[in-house]
Protein backbone atom coordinates (compact mmCIF):
# COMPACT_ATOMS: atom_id res chain seq x y z
CA UNK A 1 177.19 51.12 8.77
CA UNK A 2 179.34 53.32 11.72
CA UNK A 3 179.49 50.89 14.57
CA UNK A 4 177.14 51.39 17.31
CA UNK A 5 179.74 53.02 19.89
CA UNK A 6 180.84 55.43 17.43
CA UNK A 7 176.80 56.81 17.62
CA UNK A 8 176.51 56.63 21.44
CA UNK A 9 179.70 58.64 21.46
CA UNK A 10 179.02 61.38 18.98
CA UNK A 11 174.89 61.56 19.41
CA UNK A 12 175.35 62.12 23.27
CA UNK A 13 178.12 64.63 22.39
CA UNK A 14 177.13 66.57 19.54
CA UNK A 15 173.41 67.49 19.32
CA UNK A 16 172.70 70.29 21.48
CA UNK A 17 173.59 73.74 19.95
CA UNK A 18 172.06 75.14 23.29
CA UNK A 19 174.11 78.61 23.29
CA UNK A 20 172.67 79.67 20.28
CA UNK A 21 173.85 83.49 20.38
CA UNK A 22 170.27 85.80 20.36
CA UNK A 23 171.48 87.51 16.39
CA UNK A 24 168.91 88.50 13.59
CA UNK A 25 169.62 90.81 10.93
CA UNK A 26 167.22 91.68 7.37
CA UNK A 27 167.61 88.72 5.42
CA UNK A 28 168.86 90.47 2.16
CA UNK A 29 170.65 87.44 0.66
CA UNK A 30 169.83 86.89 -3.04
CA UNK A 31 169.93 83.19 -3.75
CA UNK A 32 173.55 82.05 -3.95
CA UNK A 33 173.57 80.04 -7.36
CA UNK A 34 176.20 77.52 -6.57
CA UNK A 35 177.95 76.45 -9.86
CA UNK A 36 177.76 72.51 -8.40
CA UNK A 37 180.93 71.38 -11.20
CA UNK A 38 180.72 68.07 -13.12
CA UNK A 39 179.56 65.01 -12.03
CA UNK A 40 179.25 67.06 -8.05
CA UNK A 41 175.61 66.29 -6.34
CA UNK A 42 173.58 68.02 -3.89
CA UNK A 43 172.34 66.80 -0.24
CA UNK A 44 169.82 68.52 1.92
CA UNK A 45 170.01 67.63 5.84
CA UNK A 46 168.18 69.67 8.69
CA UNK A 47 170.27 68.43 12.04
CA UNK A 48 170.10 71.65 14.54
CA UNK A 49 171.70 74.10 14.69
CA UNK A 50 172.63 75.36 11.04
CA UNK A 51 176.08 76.83 12.71
CA UNK A 52 177.63 73.71 14.29
CA UNK A 53 176.71 70.92 11.20
CA UNK A 54 178.01 73.60 8.81
CA UNK A 55 181.50 73.26 10.37
CA UNK A 56 181.16 69.21 10.82
CA UNK A 57 179.77 69.07 6.89
CA UNK A 58 183.04 71.43 6.30
CA UNK A 59 185.30 69.19 7.19
CA UNK A 60 184.65 66.30 4.53
CA UNK A 61 186.70 65.26 2.03
CA UNK A 62 184.49 65.68 -1.18
CA UNK A 63 182.74 68.21 0.00
CA UNK A 64 183.50 71.62 -2.25
CA UNK A 65 180.62 73.68 -0.27
CA UNK A 66 178.39 74.11 2.59
CA UNK A 67 175.57 76.39 2.67
CA UNK A 68 172.68 77.22 5.85
CA UNK A 69 169.80 77.40 4.54
CA UNK A 70 165.55 77.30 5.49
CA UNK A 71 163.50 74.90 3.92
CA UNK A 72 159.92 73.00 4.39
CA UNK A 73 158.39 75.31 5.17
CA UNK A 74 155.27 78.09 3.98
CA UNK A 75 156.85 81.82 4.15
CA UNK A 76 158.23 82.47 1.26
CA UNK A 77 162.17 84.05 1.74
CA UNK A 78 161.78 83.71 5.82
CA UNK A 79 164.39 85.70 8.05
CA UNK A 80 165.98 84.32 10.88
CA UNK A 81 163.82 85.47 12.79
CA UNK A 82 160.80 84.55 11.59
CA UNK A 83 162.33 81.51 11.36
CA UNK A 84 163.50 81.16 14.85
CA UNK A 85 159.68 81.61 16.23
CA UNK A 86 158.56 78.22 14.87
CA UNK A 87 155.96 79.87 12.61
CA UNK A 88 157.10 79.84 8.98
CA UNK A 89 157.47 75.62 9.00
CA UNK A 90 160.96 75.76 8.12
CA UNK A 91 163.92 73.88 9.25
CA UNK A 92 167.40 75.15 9.91
CA UNK A 93 169.25 73.08 6.56
CA UNK A 94 172.51 72.68 5.42
CA UNK A 95 172.71 72.27 1.41
CA UNK A 96 175.67 70.33 0.67
CA UNK A 97 177.99 70.12 -2.14
CA UNK A 98 179.28 66.83 -2.83
CA UNK A 99 181.71 64.50 -5.28
CA UNK A 100 180.04 61.31 -5.25
CA UNK A 101 183.34 59.73 -6.40
CA UNK A 102 185.47 60.97 -3.25
CA UNK A 103 182.14 60.46 -0.46
CA UNK A 104 179.30 58.58 -1.28
CA UNK A 105 175.58 59.56 -0.12
CA UNK A 106 175.55 57.34 2.38
CA UNK A 107 178.96 58.42 3.81
CA UNK A 108 177.09 61.49 4.17
CA UNK A 109 174.57 60.19 6.33
CA UNK A 110 176.25 58.22 8.27
CA UNK A 111 177.79 61.66 9.23
CA UNK A 112 174.10 62.85 9.66
CA UNK A 113 172.97 60.40 12.05
CA UNK A 114 175.75 60.45 14.18
CA UNK A 115 175.94 64.55 15.13
CA UNK A 116 172.40 65.01 15.88
CA UNK A 117 169.96 63.26 17.78
CA UNK A 118 167.35 61.74 15.20
CA UNK A 119 165.20 60.85 18.14
CA UNK A 120 163.66 63.86 19.68
CA UNK A 121 161.24 65.23 17.78
CA UNK A 122 161.33 69.13 17.23
CA UNK A 123 164.48 69.33 18.81
CA UNK A 124 167.97 69.11 19.84
CA UNK A 125 169.45 69.70 23.40
CA UNK A 126 167.86 72.75 24.39
CA UNK A 127 167.19 73.88 21.22
CA UNK A 128 163.40 73.60 20.96
CA UNK A 129 161.06 73.91 18.20
CA UNK A 130 160.36 72.64 14.40
CA UNK A 131 162.83 74.67 12.71
CA UNK A 132 165.51 72.27 14.88
CA UNK A 133 163.85 69.05 13.21
CA UNK A 134 165.60 65.85 12.02
CA UNK A 135 165.54 66.30 8.76
CA UNK A 136 166.22 64.97 5.34
CA UNK A 137 165.47 66.82 2.29
CA UNK A 138 166.01 64.36 -0.92
CA UNK A 139 166.96 65.80 -4.42
CA UNK A 140 166.05 62.44 -6.46
CA UNK A 141 164.41 58.98 -5.47
CA UNK A 142 167.66 57.53 -5.11
CA UNK A 143 168.40 59.69 -2.22
CA UNK A 144 164.87 59.00 -0.43
CA UNK A 145 165.53 54.91 -1.03
CA UNK A 146 168.62 55.23 0.75
CA UNK A 147 167.49 57.60 3.44
CA UNK A 148 164.78 55.30 3.96
CA UNK A 149 166.98 52.30 3.93
CA UNK A 150 169.28 54.02 6.14
CA UNK A 151 166.86 54.55 9.05
CA UNK A 152 165.65 50.91 8.45
CA UNK A 153 169.02 49.47 9.28
CA UNK A 154 169.69 51.68 11.84
CA UNK A 155 166.42 50.84 13.43
CA UNK A 156 167.19 46.64 13.06
CA UNK A 157 170.16 47.65 14.40
CA UNK A 158 168.92 48.95 17.63
CA UNK A 159 171.35 52.05 17.33
CA UNK A 160 170.17 54.26 19.26
CA UNK A 161 167.25 53.72 22.56
CA UNK A 162 164.41 55.44 21.21
CA UNK A 163 162.90 55.57 17.68
CA UNK A 164 164.25 57.61 15.43
CA UNK A 165 161.93 60.64 14.09
CA UNK A 166 163.78 61.88 11.13
CA UNK A 167 161.39 63.29 8.48
CA UNK A 168 161.99 62.37 4.81
CA UNK A 169 160.50 64.65 1.87
CA UNK A 170 161.44 65.78 -1.09
CA UNK A 171 163.00 68.97 -0.50
CA UNK A 172 161.09 72.09 -0.95
CA UNK A 173 160.53 76.16 -0.33
CA UNK A 174 164.61 76.10 -0.19
CA UNK A 175 166.22 79.86 1.28
CA UNK A 176 169.88 80.25 1.64
CA UNK A 177 170.06 81.90 4.92
CA UNK A 178 171.20 85.69 5.68
CA UNK A 179 175.30 86.19 4.61
CA UNK A 180 176.31 86.06 8.11
CA UNK A 181 175.17 82.56 8.78
CA UNK A 182 177.49 81.45 5.93
CA UNK A 183 180.79 79.99 7.27
CA UNK A 184 179.49 81.59 10.59
CA UNK A 185 182.42 79.11 12.31
CA UNK A 186 185.02 80.00 10.29
CA UNK A 187 184.25 83.32 10.43
CA UNK A 188 183.78 83.52 14.03
CA UNK A 189 186.43 81.14 15.66
CA UNK A 190 187.18 83.35 18.57
CA UNK A 191 184.11 84.00 19.12
CA UNK A 192 182.47 82.54 22.46
CA UNK A 193 179.99 80.03 21.31
CA UNK A 194 182.21 79.10 18.68
CA UNK A 195 185.05 77.95 21.12
CA UNK A 196 183.36 76.87 24.14
CA UNK A 197 180.13 74.80 21.88
CA UNK A 198 181.51 74.37 18.52
CA UNK A 199 185.31 73.59 19.23
CA UNK A 200 184.77 70.80 21.38
CA UNK A 201 182.03 69.08 18.98
CA UNK A 202 184.39 69.81 15.90
CA UNK A 203 187.49 68.08 18.16
CA UNK A 204 185.44 64.79 18.78
CA UNK A 205 184.01 64.46 15.01
CA UNK A 206 187.54 64.98 13.91
CA UNK A 207 188.87 62.00 16.14
CA UNK A 208 185.79 59.71 14.80
CA UNK A 209 186.29 60.54 11.36
CA UNK A 210 189.74 61.16 10.97
CA UNK A 211 190.18 59.08 8.03
CA UNK A 212 187.31 60.80 5.95
CA UNK A 213 188.78 64.64 6.63
CA UNK A 214 190.16 67.19 4.05
CA UNK A 215 194.05 66.67 4.41
CA UNK A 216 195.91 70.61 5.44
């Protein structure tokens, strides 16, 4: 389990994506068929703005793919504009393809809980709405039990000052986000939002997780 000091440092500095640009386009993305690879697994998390959180999980050794998407809503194949309105019930999520021999699901959960605020209901910093809710969308019963155990341990150790409100639910109604959301930080490093918001978050994250980062 990550020490309380690490959680406090990261959650104070990483949970808000409140300068998110006002962008939209038609959702013409065809569902991405991911070749998971032999022995690889999937994890899906909702932890606020996926532009920021995608960039974080991409840095981890053992993670081969991160996809920005929408999940947990009622509307079929929603657009970013629809999800951003809060009317579809979807959360902005990340689908992480990972090698459990290199990085475990538990370790991914530790990164998840230390890089957003799991105590604010339907909110991350100035980003407000159900689309920014803290959520774990599990792919099997083992993931569900691991997530429940993690929350129980965090609560017992009083890692956060307020109760954890993270939703734990089976993955449902999953749709990849539009193409321009994918690999957003790497494709837009010189954009103002990336320099002002994502860069500082990444630097703090790298200092805390330097032993888990990809080499080179």
